[in-house]
C-alpha atoms as a PDB file:
ATOM      1  CA  MET A   1       0.000   0.000   0.000  1.00  0.00           C
ATOM      2  CA  THR A   2       1.082   3.562  -0.668  1.00  0.00           C
ATOM      3  CA  GLY A   3       0.899   6.330   1.884  1.00  0.00           C
ATOM      4  CA  PRO A   4      -2.476   8.023   2.341  1.00  0.00           C
ATOM      5  CA  LEU A   5      -3.686  10.483  -0.277  1.00  0.00           C
ATOM      6  CA  ARG A   6      -5.494  13.632   0.836  1.00  0.00           C
ATOM      7  CA  VAL A   7      -8.825  13.954  -1.022  1.00  0.00           C
ATOM      8  CA  ASP A   8     -12.159  15.776  -0.849  1.00  0.00           C
ATOM      9  CA  PRO A   9     -14.722  13.087   0.084  1.00  0.00           C
ATOM     10  CA  ARG A  10     -17.512  15.041  -1.581  1.00  0.00           C
ATOM     11  CA  THR A  11     -16.016  14.782  -5.059  1.00  0.00           C
ATOM     12  CA  ASP A  12     -13.083  12.376  -5.271  1.00  0.00           C
ATOM     13  CA  PRO A  13     -13.878   9.157  -7.191  1.00  0.00           C
ATOM     14  CA  ARG A  14     -11.479   7.123  -5.060  1.00  0.00           C
ATOM     15  CA  TRP A  15     -13.400   8.004  -1.918  1.00  0.00           C
ATOM     16  CA  GLU A  16     -16.710   7.196  -3.594  1.00  0.00           C
ATOM     17  CA  ALA A  17     -15.361   3.832  -4.779  1.00  0.00           C
ATOM     18  CA  LEU A  18     -14.109   3.042  -1.275  1.00  0.00           C
ATOM     19  CA  VAL A  19     -17.356   3.811   0.546  1.00  0.00           C
ATOM     20  CA  SER A  20     -19.442   2.070  -2.108  1.00  0.00           C
ATOM     21  CA  GLY A  21     -17.954  -1.180  -0.839  1.00  0.00           C
ATOM     22  CA  PRO A  22     -18.768  -3.195   2.269  1.00  0.00           C
ATOM     23  CA  GLY A  23     -17.074  -0.817   4.707  1.00  0.00           C
ATOM     24  CA  GLY A  24     -19.031   2.255   3.685  1.00  0.00           C
ATOM     25  CA  SER A  25     -22.375   3.580   4.862  1.00  0.00           C
ATOM     26  CA  LEU A  26     -24.809   6.412   4.237  1.00  0.00           C
ATOM     27  CA  PHE A  27     -22.851   8.636   6.605  1.00  0.00           C
ATOM     28  CA  THR A  28     -19.569   8.298   4.729  1.00  0.00           C
ATOM     29  CA  SER A  29     -21.216   8.657   1.299  1.00  0.00           C
ATOM     30  CA  PRO A  30     -20.365  11.720  -0.818  1.00  0.00           C
ATOM     31  CA  PRO A  31     -23.985  12.971  -1.053  1.00  0.00           C
ATOM     32  CA  TRP A  32     -24.463  12.855   2.730  1.00  0.00           C
ATOM     33  CA  ILE A  33     -21.113  14.490   3.504  1.00  0.00           C
ATOM     34  CA  GLY A  34     -21.815  17.156   0.910  1.00  0.00           C
ATOM     35  CA  ALA A  35     -25.295  17.940   2.220  1.00  0.00           C
ATOM     36  CA  VAL A  36     -24.130  18.266   5.830  1.00  0.00           C
ATOM     37  CA  CYS A  37     -20.960  20.220   5.116  1.00  0.00           C
ATOM     38  CA  ASP A  38     -22.596  22.593   2.650  1.00  0.00           C
ATOM     39  CA  THR A  39     -25.387  23.323   5.140  1.00  0.00           C
ATOM     40  CA  TYR A  40     -23.105  24.164   8.043  1.00  0.00           C
ATOM     41  CA  GLY A  41     -20.104  25.567   6.197  1.00  0.00           C
ATOM     42  CA  PHE A  42     -17.690  22.739   7.038  1.00  0.00           C
ATOM     43  CA  GLU A  43     -14.719  21.738   4.876  1.00  0.00           C
ATOM     44  CA  PRO A  44     -14.305  17.953   4.946  1.00  0.00           C
ATOM     45  CA  THR A  45     -11.001  16.142   4.523  1.00  0.00           C
ATOM     46  CA  ALA A  46     -10.284  12.480   3.832  1.00  0.00           C
ATOM     47  CA  ASP A  47      -7.217  10.287   3.663  1.00  0.00           C
ATOM     48  CA  VAL A  48      -7.352   7.290   1.316  1.00  0.00           C
ATOM     49  CA  VAL A  49      -4.863   4.450   1.058  1.00  0.00           C
ATOM     50  CA  VAL A  50      -4.564   2.984  -2.431  1.00  0.00           C
ATOM     51  CA  ALA A  51      -3.241  -0.466  -3.327  1.00  0.00           C
ATOM     52  CA  PRO A  52      -0.507  -0.760  -5.987  1.00  0.00           C
ATOM     53  CA  ALA A  53      -3.132  -1.624  -8.610  1.00  0.00           C
ATOM     54  CA  GLY A  54      -4.887   1.676  -7.900  1.00  0.00           C
ATOM     55  CA  ARG A  55      -7.788   0.282  -5.854  1.00  0.00           C
ATOM     56  CA  PRO A  56      -8.671   2.251  -2.689  1.00  0.00           C
ATOM     57  CA  VAL A  57      -8.451  -0.080   0.311  1.00  0.00           C
ATOM     58  CA  ALA A  58      -8.785   2.133   3.403  1.00  0.00           C
ATOM     59  CA  GLY A  59      -9.841   5.619   4.327  1.00  0.00           C
ATOM     60  CA  VAL A  60     -11.165   8.012   6.912  1.00  0.00           C
ATOM     61  CA  ALA A  61     -12.919  11.382   6.553  1.00  0.00           C
ATOM     62  CA  TRP A  62     -13.186  14.170   9.088  1.00  0.00           C
ATOM     63  CA  VAL A  63     -14.048  17.799   9.689  1.00  0.00           C
ATOM     64  CA  ASP A  64     -12.088  20.265  11.788  1.00  0.00           C
ATOM     65  CA  VAL A  65     -14.538  22.454  13.694  1.00  0.00           C
ATOM     66  CA  ARG A  66     -13.523  25.812  15.154  1.00  0.00           C
ATOM     67  CA  ASP A  67     -16.353  27.815  16.657  1.00  0.00           C
ATOM     68  CA  LEU A  68     -17.579  29.311  19.916  1.00  0.00           C
ATOM     69  CA  ARG A  69     -17.679  25.813  21.504  1.00  0.00           C
ATOM     70  CA  GLY A  70     -13.978  25.292  20.921  1.00  0.00           C
ATOM     71  CA  GLN A  71     -11.735  23.463  18.471  1.00  0.00           C
ATOM     72  CA  ARG A  72     -12.187  19.764  17.713  1.00  0.00           C
ATOM     73  CA  ARG A  73     -11.952  17.138  14.970  1.00  0.00           C
ATOM     74  CA  SER A  74     -15.022  15.049  14.160  1.00  0.00           C
ATOM     75  CA  VAL A  75     -15.362  11.835  12.138  1.00  0.00           C
ATOM     76  CA  LEU A  76     -17.915  13.039  10.949  1.00  0.00           C
ATOM     77  CA  PRO A  77     -20.250  15.706  12.430  1.00  0.00           C
ATOM     78  CA  PHE A  78     -24.000  15.089  12.594  1.00  0.00           C
ATOM     79  CA  CYS A  79     -23.743  11.393  11.759  1.00  0.00           C
ATOM     80  CA  ASP A  80     -25.263   8.409  13.530  1.00  0.00           C
ATOM     81  CA  ARG A  81     -21.930   6.711  12.863  1.00  0.00           C
ATOM     82  CA  ALA A  82     -19.064   7.105  10.413  1.00  0.00           C
ATOM     83  CA  GLU A  83     -16.731   4.130  10.649  1.00  0.00           C
ATOM     84  CA  PRO A  84     -13.373   4.573   8.949  1.00  0.00           C
ATOM     85  CA  VAL A  85     -12.993   1.994   6.196  1.00  0.00           C
ATOM     86  CA  ALA A  86     -10.187  -0.301   7.349  1.00  0.00           C
ATOM     87  CA  ALA A  87     -10.397  -4.079   7.102  1.00  0.00           C
ATOM     88  CA  ASP A  88      -7.672  -4.799   9.645  1.00  0.00           C
ATOM     89  CA  ALA A  89      -5.223  -3.219  12.075  1.00  0.00           C
ATOM     90  CA  GLN A  90      -2.613  -2.716   9.363  1.00  0.00           C
ATOM     91  CA  ALA A  91      -5.030  -0.757   7.180  1.00  0.00           C
ATOM     92  CA  TRP A  92      -6.179   1.315  10.155  1.00  0.00           C
ATOM     93  CA  SER A  93      -2.575   2.082  11.102  1.00  0.00           C
ATOM     94  CA  ALA A  94      -1.872   3.211   7.547  1.00  0.00           C
ATOM     95  CA  VAL A  95      -4.831   5.592   7.388  1.00  0.00           C
ATOM     96  CA  SER A  96      -5.109   6.962  10.930  1.00  0.00           C
ATOM     97  CA  GLY A  97      -1.796   8.774  11.287  1.00  0.00           C
ATOM     98  CA  ARG A  98      -2.795  12.214  10.046  1.00  0.00           C
ATOM     99  CA  LEU A  99      -6.227  11.937  11.641  1.00  0.00           C
ATOM    100  CA  LEU A 100      -4.632  11.752  15.072  1.00  0.00           C
ATOM    101  CA  ALA A 101      -1.756  14.123  14.384  1.00  0.00           C
ATOM    102  CA  GLY A 102      -1.753  17.634  15.780  1.00  0.00           C
ATOM    103  CA  ASP A 103      -3.337  19.214  18.821  1.00  0.00           C
ATOM    104  CA  LEU A 104      -7.053  18.784  18.132  1.00  0.00           C
ATOM    105  CA  PRO A 105      -9.062  16.213  20.093  1.00  0.00           C
ATOM    106  CA  VAL A 106     -10.677  13.602  17.835  1.00  0.00           C
ATOM    107  CA  THR A 107     -14.145  12.074  18.174  1.00  0.00           C
ATOM    108  CA  VAL A 108     -15.368   9.050  16.216  1.00  0.00           C
ATOM    109  CA  ARG A 109     -18.744   7.295  16.287  1.00  0.00           C
ATOM    110  CA  SER A 110     -18.526   3.753  14.965  1.00  0.00           C
ATOM    111  CA  LEU A 111     -20.111   0.357  15.276  1.00  0.00           C
ATOM    112  CA  ALA A 112     -18.606  -1.784  18.008  1.00  0.00           C
ATOM    113  CA  GLY A 113     -15.873  -3.903  16.482  1.00  0.00           C
ATOM    114  CA  ALA A 114     -14.873  -1.390  13.815  1.00  0.00           C
ATOM    115  CA  ALA A 115     -11.194  -0.467  13.462  1.00  0.00           C
ATOM    116  CA  PRO A 116     -10.996   2.418  15.981  1.00  0.00           C
ATOM    117  CA  ASP A 117     -12.814   0.402  18.647  1.00  0.00           C
ATOM    118  CA  GLY A 118      -9.690  -1.536  19.588  1.00  0.00           C
ATOM    119  CA  ASP A 119      -7.271   1.377  19.318  1.00  0.00           C
ATOM    120  CA  ALA A 120      -5.693   2.165  22.696  1.00  0.00           C
ATOM    121  CA  ARG A 121      -5.381   5.820  21.728  1.00  0.00           C
ATOM    122  CA  PHE A 122      -9.167   6.159  22.063  1.00  0.00           C
ATOM    123  CA  THR A 123     -11.404   6.134  25.116  1.00  0.00           C
ATOM    124  CA  VAL A 124     -15.069   5.092  24.991  1.00  0.00           C
ATOM    125  CA  VAL A 125     -17.111   8.123  26.088  1.00  0.00           C
ATOM    126  CA  GLY A 126     -20.588   7.030  24.981  1.00  0.00           C
ATOM    127  CA  GLU A 127     -22.636   4.132  23.722  1.00  0.00           C
ATOM    128  CA  ALA A 128     -25.929   3.868  21.848  1.00  0.00           C
ATOM    129  CA  ALA A 129     -28.055   1.114  20.328  1.00  0.00           C
ATOM    130  CA  TRP A 130     -28.141   0.258  16.629  1.00  0.00           C
ATOM    131  CA  HIS A 131     -30.690  -1.901  14.800  1.00  0.00           C
ATOM    132  CA  GLU A 132     -31.060  -3.378  11.335  1.00  0.00           C
ATOM    133  CA  THR A 133     -33.815  -5.360   9.632  1.00  0.00           C
ATOM    134  CA  ARG A 134     -32.796  -7.848   6.962  1.00  0.00           C
ATOM    135  CA  LEU A 135     -34.853  -7.542   3.796  1.00  0.00           C
ATOM    136  CA  ASP A 136     -33.082 -10.161   1.648  1.00  0.00           C
ATOM    137  CA  ARG A 137     -35.869 -12.746   2.078  1.00  0.00           C
ATOM    138  CA  PRO A 138     -39.516 -13.060   1.081  1.00  0.00           C
ATOM    139  CA  LEU A 139     -41.711 -10.225   2.340  1.00  0.00           C
ATOM    140  CA  ASP A 140     -43.969 -12.570   4.308  1.00  0.00           C
ATOM    141  CA  ALA A 141     -40.892 -13.896   6.120  1.00  0.00           C
ATOM    142  CA  VAL A 142     -39.887 -10.336   6.973  1.00  0.00           C
ATOM    143  CA  HIS A 143     -43.396  -9.690   8.329  1.00  0.00           C
ATOM    144  CA  ARG A 144     -43.319 -12.871  10.432  1.00  0.00           C
ATOM    145  CA  SER A 145     -39.993 -11.818  11.933  1.00  0.00           C
ATOM    146  CA  PHE A 146     -41.535  -8.768  13.600  1.00  0.00           C
ATOM    147  CA  ARG A 147     -42.611  -9.019  17.220  1.00  0.00           C
ATOM    148  CA  SER A 148     -46.321  -9.796  17.597  1.00  0.00           C
ATOM    149  CA  GLN A 149     -47.025  -6.299  18.949  1.00  0.00           C
ATOM    150  CA  THR A 150     -45.628  -4.743  15.777  1.00  0.00           C
ATOM    151  CA  ARG A 151     -47.819  -6.942  13.576  1.00  0.00           C
ATOM    152  CA  ARG A 152     -50.856  -5.960  15.655  1.00  0.00           C
ATOM    153  CA  ASN A 153     -49.945  -2.276  15.357  1.00  0.00           C
ATOM    154  CA  ILE A 154     -49.734  -2.551  11.571  1.00  0.00           C
ATOM    155  CA  ALA A 155     -53.193  -4.115  11.539  1.00  0.00           C
ATOM    156  CA  THR A 156     -54.541  -1.400  13.854  1.00  0.00           C
ATOM    157  CA  ALA A 157     -53.320   1.313  11.500  1.00  0.00           C
ATOM    158  CA  GLU A 158     -54.967  -0.413   8.541  1.00  0.00           C
ATOM    159  CA  ARG A 159     -58.296  -0.748  10.378  1.00  0.00           C
ATOM    160  CA  SER A 160     -58.106   2.882  11.491  1.00  0.00           C
ATOM    161  CA  GLY A 161     -57.824   4.101   7.929  1.00  0.00           C
ATOM    162  CA  VAL A 162     -54.311   5.504   8.206  1.00  0.00           C
ATOM    163  CA  GLU A 163     -53.144   6.311   4.683  1.00  0.00           C
ATOM    164  CA  VAL A 164     -49.416   6.281   3.912  1.00  0.00           C
ATOM    165  CA  VAL A 165     -47.989   8.245   1.001  1.00  0.00           C
ATOM    166  CA  LEU A 166     -44.402   7.531  -0.071  1.00  0.00           C
ATOM    167  CA  SER A 167     -43.086  10.527  -1.965  1.00  0.00           C
ATOM    168  CA  ALA A 168     -39.919  11.200  -3.942  1.00  0.00           C
ATOM    169  CA  GLY A 169     -40.715  14.932  -4.115  1.00  0.00           C
ATOM    170  CA  SER A 170     -39.439  17.891  -2.127  1.00  0.00           C
ATOM    171  CA  GLU A 171     -42.859  19.063  -0.900  1.00  0.00           C
ATOM    172  CA  ALA A 172     -43.179  16.049   1.385  1.00  0.00           C
ATOM    173  CA  VAL A 173     -39.730  16.789   2.840  1.00  0.00           C
ATOM    174  CA  GLN A 174     -40.907  20.277   3.786  1.00  0.00           C
ATOM    175  CA  GLU A 175     -44.012  18.839   5.474  1.00  0.00           C
ATOM    176  CA  LEU A 176     -41.870  16.389   7.427  1.00  0.00           C
ATOM    177  CA  HIS A 177     -39.594  19.196   8.611  1.00  0.00           C
ATOM    178  CA  ARG A 178     -42.586  21.036  10.072  1.00  0.00           C
ATOM    179  CA  LEU A 179     -43.554  17.892  12.001  1.00  0.00           C
ATOM    180  CA  HIS A 180     -39.919  17.465  13.058  1.00  0.00           C
ATOM    181  CA  VAL A 181     -39.657  20.983  14.504  1.00  0.00           C
ATOM    182  CA  GLU A 182     -42.913  20.469  16.377  1.00  0.00           C
ATOM    183  CA  LEU A 183     -41.896  17.103  17.853  1.00  0.00           C
ATOM    184  CA  ARG A 184     -38.419  18.113  19.018  1.00  0.00           C
ATOM    185  CA  LYS A 185     -39.833  21.238  20.617  1.00  0.00           C
ATOM    186  CA  ARG A 186     -42.811  19.584  22.316  1.00  0.00           C
ATOM    187  CA  LYS A 187     -41.330  16.262  23.424  1.00  0.00           C
ATOM    188  CA  TYR A 188     -37.636  16.964  23.976  1.00  0.00           C
ATOM    189  CA  ARG A 189     -37.358  20.778  24.351  1.00  0.00           C
ATOM    190  CA  LEU A 190     -34.671  20.708  21.657  1.00  0.00           C
ATOM    191  CA  LEU A 191     -34.075  22.749  18.534  1.00  0.00           C
ATOM    192  CA  ALA A 192     -34.432  21.038  15.160  1.00  0.00           C
ATOM    193  CA  GLN A 193     -31.996  20.799  12.300  1.00  0.00           C
ATOM    194  CA  PRO A 194     -32.534  23.581   9.742  1.00  0.00           C
ATOM    195  CA  ALA A 195     -34.881  23.129   6.812  1.00  0.00           C
ATOM    196  CA  GLU A 196     -31.867  23.845   4.594  1.00  0.00           C
ATOM    197  CA  LEU A 197     -30.313  20.527   5.673  1.00  0.00           C
ATOM    198  CA  PHE A 198     -33.449  18.617   4.685  1.00  0.00           C
ATOM    199  CA  GLU A 199     -33.515  20.430   1.345  1.00  0.00           C
ATOM    200  CA  ARG A 200     -29.853  19.730   0.633  1.00  0.00           C
ATOM    201  CA  ILE A 201     -30.257  16.062   1.553  1.00  0.00           C
ATOM    202  CA  TRP A 202     -33.174  15.768  -0.856  1.00  0.00           C
ATOM    203  CA  LYS A 203     -31.208  17.481  -3.653  1.00  0.00           C
ATOM    204  CA  ALA A 204     -28.202  15.222  -3.032  1.00  0.00           C
ATOM    205  CA  PHE A 205     -30.089  11.903  -3.080  1.00  0.00           C
ATOM    206  CA  ALA A 206     -32.956  12.609  -5.479  1.00  0.00           C
ATOM    207  CA  PRO A 207     -30.915  12.306  -8.716  1.00  0.00           C
ATOM    208  CA  ALA A 208     -30.218   8.624  -7.916  1.00  0.00           C
ATOM    209  CA  ASP A 209     -33.799   8.054  -6.727  1.00  0.00           C
ATOM    210  CA  GLY A 210     -32.345   7.557  -3.275  1.00  0.00           C
ATOM    211  CA  VAL A 211     -34.816   9.440  -1.069  1.00  0.00           C
ATOM    212  CA  ARG A 212     -38.342   8.699   0.094  1.00  0.00           C
ATOM    213  CA  THR A 213     -40.466  10.708   2.505  1.00  0.00           C
ATOM    214  CA  ALA A 214     -43.341   8.815   4.093  1.00  0.00           C
ATOM    215  CA  LEU A 215     -46.327  10.745   5.419  1.00  0.00           C
ATOM    216  CA  ALA A 216     -49.152   9.128   7.373  1.00  0.00           C
ATOM    217  CA  LEU A 217     -52.471  10.856   6.747  1.00  0.00           C
ATOM    218  CA  VAL A 218     -55.592  10.784   8.897  1.00  0.00           C
ATOM    219  CA  ASP A 219     -58.584  12.444   7.238  1.00  0.00           C
ATOM    220  CA  GLY A 220     -56.129  13.884   4.725  1.00  0.00           C
ATOM    221  CA  ARG A 221     -53.972  15.580   7.377  1.00  0.00           C
ATOM    222  CA  PRO A 222     -50.329  14.559   8.023  1.00  0.00           C
ATOM    223  CA  VAL A 223     -49.965  13.149  11.535  1.00  0.00           C
ATOM    224  CA  ALA A 224     -46.588  11.391  11.195  1.00  0.00           C
ATOM    225  CA  GLY A 225     -43.686  11.268   8.796  1.00  0.00           C
ATOM    226  CA  ALA A 226     -40.243   9.828   8.178  1.00  0.00           C
ATOM    227  CA  LEU A 227     -37.326  10.398   5.822  1.00  0.00           C
ATOM    228  CA  TYR A 228     -35.468   7.410   4.346  1.00  0.00           C
ATOM    229  CA  LEU A 229     -32.284   7.485   2.296  1.00  0.00           C
ATOM    230  CA  VAL A 230     -30.769   4.783   0.095  1.00  0.00           C
ATOM    231  CA  TRP A 231     -27.045   4.148  -0.190  1.00  0.00           C
ATOM    232  CA  GLN A 232     -25.920   1.069  -2.088  1.00  0.00           C
ATOM    233  CA  ASP A 233     -28.061  -1.913  -0.959  1.00  0.00           C
ATOM    234  CA  THR A 234     -29.413  -0.393   2.271  1.00  0.00           C
ATOM    235  CA  VAL A 235     -32.203   2.034   3.099  1.00  0.00           C
ATOM    236  CA  TYR A 236     -31.619   4.206   6.177  1.00  0.00           C
ATOM    237  CA  TYR A 237     -34.272   5.613   8.507  1.00  0.00           C
ATOM    238  CA  LYS A 238     -32.960   9.083   9.275  1.00  0.00           C
ATOM    239  CA  PHE A 239     -35.664  11.439  10.579  1.00  0.00           C
ATOM    240  CA  GLY A 240     -39.083  10.719  12.013  1.00  0.00           C
ATOM    241  CA  ALA A 241     -41.825  12.734  13.692  1.00  0.00           C
ATOM    242  CA  SER A 242     -45.431  12.297  14.763  1.00  0.00           C
ATOM    243  CA  ARG A 243     -48.234  14.072  16.593  1.00  0.00           C
ATOM    244  CA  ALA A 244     -48.955  12.607  20.017  1.00  0.00           C
ATOM    245  CA  GLU A 245     -52.732  12.863  19.756  1.00  0.00           C
ATOM    246  CA  HIS A 246     -52.806  10.335  16.887  1.00  0.00           C
ATOM    247  CA  LEU A 247     -50.349   7.734  18.202  1.00  0.00           C
ATOM    248  CA  ALA A 248     -53.144   5.347  19.198  1.00  0.00           C
ATOM    249  CA  LEU A 249     -53.831   4.875  15.470  1.00  0.00           C
ATOM    250  CA  ARG A 250     -50.252   3.576  15.036  1.00  0.00           C
ATOM    251  CA  PRO A 251     -49.241   5.847  12.127  1.00  0.00           C
ATOM    252  CA  ASN A 252     -45.523   5.213  12.647  1.00  0.00           C
ATOM    253  CA  ASP A 253     -45.982   1.467  12.277  1.00  0.00           C
ATOM    254  CA  ALA A 254     -47.955   2.051   9.080  1.00  0.00           C
ATOM    255  CA  ILE A 255     -45.146   4.241   7.732  1.00  0.00           C
ATOM    256  CA  HIS A 256     -42.360   1.762   8.412  1.00  0.00           C
ATOM    257  CA  TRP A 257     -44.326  -1.164   6.993  1.00  0.00           C
ATOM    258  CA  ALA A 258     -45.074   0.775   3.802  1.00  0.00           C
ATOM    259  CA  LEU A 259     -41.389   1.622   3.441  1.00  0.00           C
ATOM    260  CA  ILE A 260     -40.325  -1.977   4.027  1.00  0.00           C
ATOM    261  CA  GLN A 261     -42.694  -3.154   1.311  1.00  0.00           C
ATOM    262  CA  TRP A 262     -41.263  -0.549  -1.064  1.00  0.00           C
ATOM    263  CA  ALA A 263     -37.656  -1.475  -0.182  1.00  0.00           C
ATOM    264  CA  SER A 264     -38.388  -5.181  -0.634  1.00  0.00           C
ATOM    265  CA  GLU A 265     -39.824  -4.547  -4.093  1.00  0.00           C
ATOM    266  CA  ARG A 266     -36.720  -2.540  -4.946  1.00  0.00           C
ATOM    267  CA  GLY A 267     -34.473  -5.439  -3.912  1.00  0.00           C
ATOM    268  CA  LEU A 268     -32.671  -3.693  -1.077  1.00  0.00           C
ATOM    269  CA  ARG A 269     -30.778  -5.842   1.413  1.00  0.00           C
ATOM    270  CA  ALA A 270     -31.542  -4.117   4.707  1.00  0.00           C
ATOM    271  CA  LEU A 271     -33.226  -1.302   6.612  1.00  0.00           C
ATOM    272  CA  ASP A 272     -30.821   0.487   8.947  1.00  0.00           C
ATOM    273  CA  TRP A 273     -32.727   2.025  11.867  1.00  0.00           C
ATOM    274  CA  GLY A 274     -29.837   4.229  12.949  1.00  0.00           C
ATOM    275  CA  LEU A 275     -28.785   5.335  16.406  1.00  0.00           C
ATOM    276  CA  SER A 276     -30.957   5.148  19.531  1.00  0.00           C
ATOM    277  CA  ASP A 277     -29.762   6.665  22.798  1.00  0.00           C
ATOM    278  CA  LEU A 278     -29.779   4.161  25.646  1.00  0.00           C
ATOM    279  CA  ASP A 279     -31.476   6.730  27.882  1.00  0.00           C
ATOM    280  CA  GLN A 280     -34.531   6.379  25.622  1.00  0.00           C
ATOM    281  CA  PRO A 281     -35.478   2.754  26.400  1.00  0.00           C
ATOM    282  CA  GLY A 282     -38.878   3.153  24.746  1.00  0.00           C
ATOM    283  CA  LEU A 283     -37.269   3.999  21.405  1.00  0.00           C
ATOM    284  CA  VAL A 284     -34.800   1.124  21.728  1.00  0.00           C
ATOM    285  CA  ALA A 285     -37.633  -1.299  22.495  1.00  0.00           C
ATOM    286  CA  TYR A 286     -39.682   0.001  19.575  1.00  0.00           C
ATOM    287  CA  LYS A 287     -36.902  -0.579  17.041  1.00  0.00           C
ATOM    288  CA  ARG A 288     -36.055  -3.953  18.580  1.00  0.00           C
ATOM    289  CA  LYS A 289     -39.562  -5.167  17.689  1.00  0.00           C
ATOM    290  CA  TRP A 290     -38.748  -4.689  13.993  1.00  0.00           C
ATOM    291  CA  ALA A 291     -35.082  -5.585  13.893  1.00  0.00           C
ATOM    292  CA  SER A 292     -33.284  -8.808  13.102  1.00  0.00           C
ATOM    293  CA  THR A 293     -29.906  -7.434  14.272  1.00  0.00           C
ATOM    294  CA  GLU A 294     -28.954  -5.314  17.263  1.00  0.00           C
ATOM    295  CA  GLY A 295     -25.578  -3.829  18.009  1.00  0.00           C
ATOM    296  CA  ARG A 296     -23.867  -0.887  19.646  1.00  0.00           C
ATOM    297  CA  ILE A 297     -22.529   2.396  18.342  1.00  0.00           C
ATOM    298  CA  ARG A 298     -19.629   3.658  20.416  1.00  0.00           C
ATOM    299  CA  THR A 299     -18.460   7.237  20.707  1.00  0.00           C
ATOM    300  CA  LEU A 300     -14.671   7.268  20.973  1.00  0.00           C
ATOM    301  CA  ASN A 301     -12.464  10.187  21.911  1.00  0.00           C
ATOM    302  CA  ALA A 302      -8.746  10.816  21.709  1.00  0.00           C
ATOM    303  CA  GLY A 303      -7.367  13.974  23.232  1.00  0.00           C
ATOM    304  CA  GLY A 304     -10.139  15.031  25.586  1.00  0.00           C
ATOM    305  CA  PRO A 305     -12.661  17.887  25.304  1.00  0.00           C
ATOM    306  CA  PRO A 306     -12.533  20.615  22.644  1.00  0.00           C
ATOM    307  CA  VAL A 307      -9.686  23.058  22.958  1.00  0.00           C
ATOM    308  CA  GLY A 308     -10.970  26.312  24.420  1.00  0.00           C
ATOM    309  CA  ARG A 309     -14.393  25.009  25.489  1.00  0.00           C
ATOM    310  CA  SER A 310     -16.104  27.449  27.844  1.00  0.00           C
ATOM    311  CA  ALA A 311     -18.610  26.549  30.548  1.00  0.00           C
ATOM    312  CA  ASP A 312     -20.229  29.963  30.028  1.00  0.00           C
ATOM    313  CA  VAL A 313     -20.863  29.234  26.339  1.00  0.00           C
ATOM    314  CA  GLU A 314     -22.305  25.810  27.119  1.00  0.00           C
ATOM    315  CA  HIS A 315     -24.635  27.339  29.711  1.00  0.00           C
ATOM    316  CA  THR A 316     -25.723  30.104  27.339  1.00  0.00           C
ATOM    317  CA  LEU A 317     -26.590  27.613  24.586  1.00  0.00           C
ATOM    318  CA  ARG A 318     -28.687  25.586  27.032  1.00  0.00           C
ATOM    319  CA  VAL A 319     -30.521  28.707  28.217  1.00  0.00           C
ATOM    320  CA  VAL A 320     -31.221  29.932  24.674  1.00  0.00           C
ATOM    321  CA  THR A 321     -32.435  26.470  23.640  1.00  0.00           C
ATOM    322  CA  ASP A 322     -34.766  26.365  26.627  1.00  0.00           C
ATOM    323  CA  LEU A 323     -36.150  29.802  25.774  1.00  0.00           C
ATOM    324  CA  MET A 324     -36.619  29.062  22.063  1.00  0.00           C
ATOM    325  CA  THR A 325     -38.420  25.763  22.741  1.00  0.00           C
ATOM    326  CA  ASP A 326     -40.865  27.147  25.272  1.00  0.00           C
ATOM    327  CA  PRO A 327     -44.444  26.225  24.293  1.00  0.00           C
ATOM    328  CA  SER A 328     -45.323  29.920  24.031  1.00  0.00           C
ATOM    329  CA  VAL A 329     -42.810  30.455  21.211  1.00  0.00           C
ATOM    330  CA  PRO A 330     -44.275  30.082  17.689  1.00  0.00           C
ATOM    331  CA  ASP A 331     -42.945  27.075  15.782  1.00  0.00           C
ATOM    332  CA  ASP A 332     -41.553  29.221  12.968  1.00  0.00           C
ATOM    333  CA  VAL A 333     -39.460  31.165  15.491  1.00  0.00           C
ATOM    334  CA  THR A 334     -38.217  27.913  17.018  1.00  0.00           C
ATOM    335  CA  ALA A 335     -37.313  26.706  13.513  1.00  0.00           C
ATOM    336  CA  ARG A 336     -35.346  29.892  12.828  1.00  0.00           C
ATOM    337  CA  ALA A 337     -33.469  29.476  16.108  1.00  0.00           C
ATOM    338  CA  GLY A 338     -32.525  25.940  15.066  1.00  0.00           C
ATOM    339  CA  ALA A 339     -31.285  27.208  11.702  1.00  0.00           C
ATOM    340  CA  ALA A 340     -29.044  29.728  13.475  1.00  0.00           C
ATOM    341  CA  LEU A 341     -27.730  27.556  16.315  1.00  0.00           C
ATOM    342  CA  TYR A 342     -27.795  23.886  15.323  1.00  0.00           C
ATOM    343  CA  ARG A 343     -24.320  23.946  13.758  1.00  0.00           C
ATOM    344  CA  TYR A 344     -22.843  24.376  17.242  1.00  0.00           C
ATOM    345  CA  PHE A 345     -24.295  21.110  18.559  1.00  0.00           C
ATOM    346  CA  CYS A 346     -21.746  18.799  16.931  1.00  0.00           C
END
């Protein structure tokens, strides 16, 4: 192997070829990296190791962040996980040198067992659940694999007249973002990602027919929604939102079942349910009822907290978030606050 080559992961064909293989995922794909970085003004960097025949065999991408929360290096920001592509310790050693060089602390989120997980230079600072549903089998076998409660919920939604619309268009993405702002404000007292991110994601994945927005309608009105993205042979559940007053009709179950049927018809291998925080046991249990595989996503850190992090800044961000998510604040104002501040939450 040659030494690592510095490339732009948004545009370099060697990076795209690398992450189109078995070690890549949605979160290391060029369209995802481009959508996130272009939204928040980040400049991504990647190192790729190329075999003598010219084939890329290992790589890692990152962003250096310097803002009011300090200086840090992230692999990659605003991702459920972003495993470096390295099949063994030798490949990881070849590609990780410049990532860990310098004075910036480095944070990586990766599936347990991935290359950085066994690196003594890193410390585990967080852990989350990860779920996947295999779709490479007959659809009736997929349905039988769900927990009985999930199958009952799907039937409840059908009896209740919940209508699911799967859309490839941008209008549905905008509707989902409105639901998303409302949910994060009401349930979690958190700001939402900006509408610009949703728009850029749609623009990045739509040319390859790699985006679907599902909306659950009750009496013609959207009561739940989800955004799914396709990379290679996997569809990823990325954003979801619903209105609490309609949950008894099981609109979320109707949405996921409609998407699974669509993905099965398309011949996709799996549905990746993404990250679930362990302090949300209800969400973990919900995904477990659908999943055929469960694992862990570990947050690893080398070098400690961001350089120059200020307790005053952290406190101010928490106070502003609390103010902007107060129930008395109009949703459009909360959305604008998210657009202005969300970039600092990586």
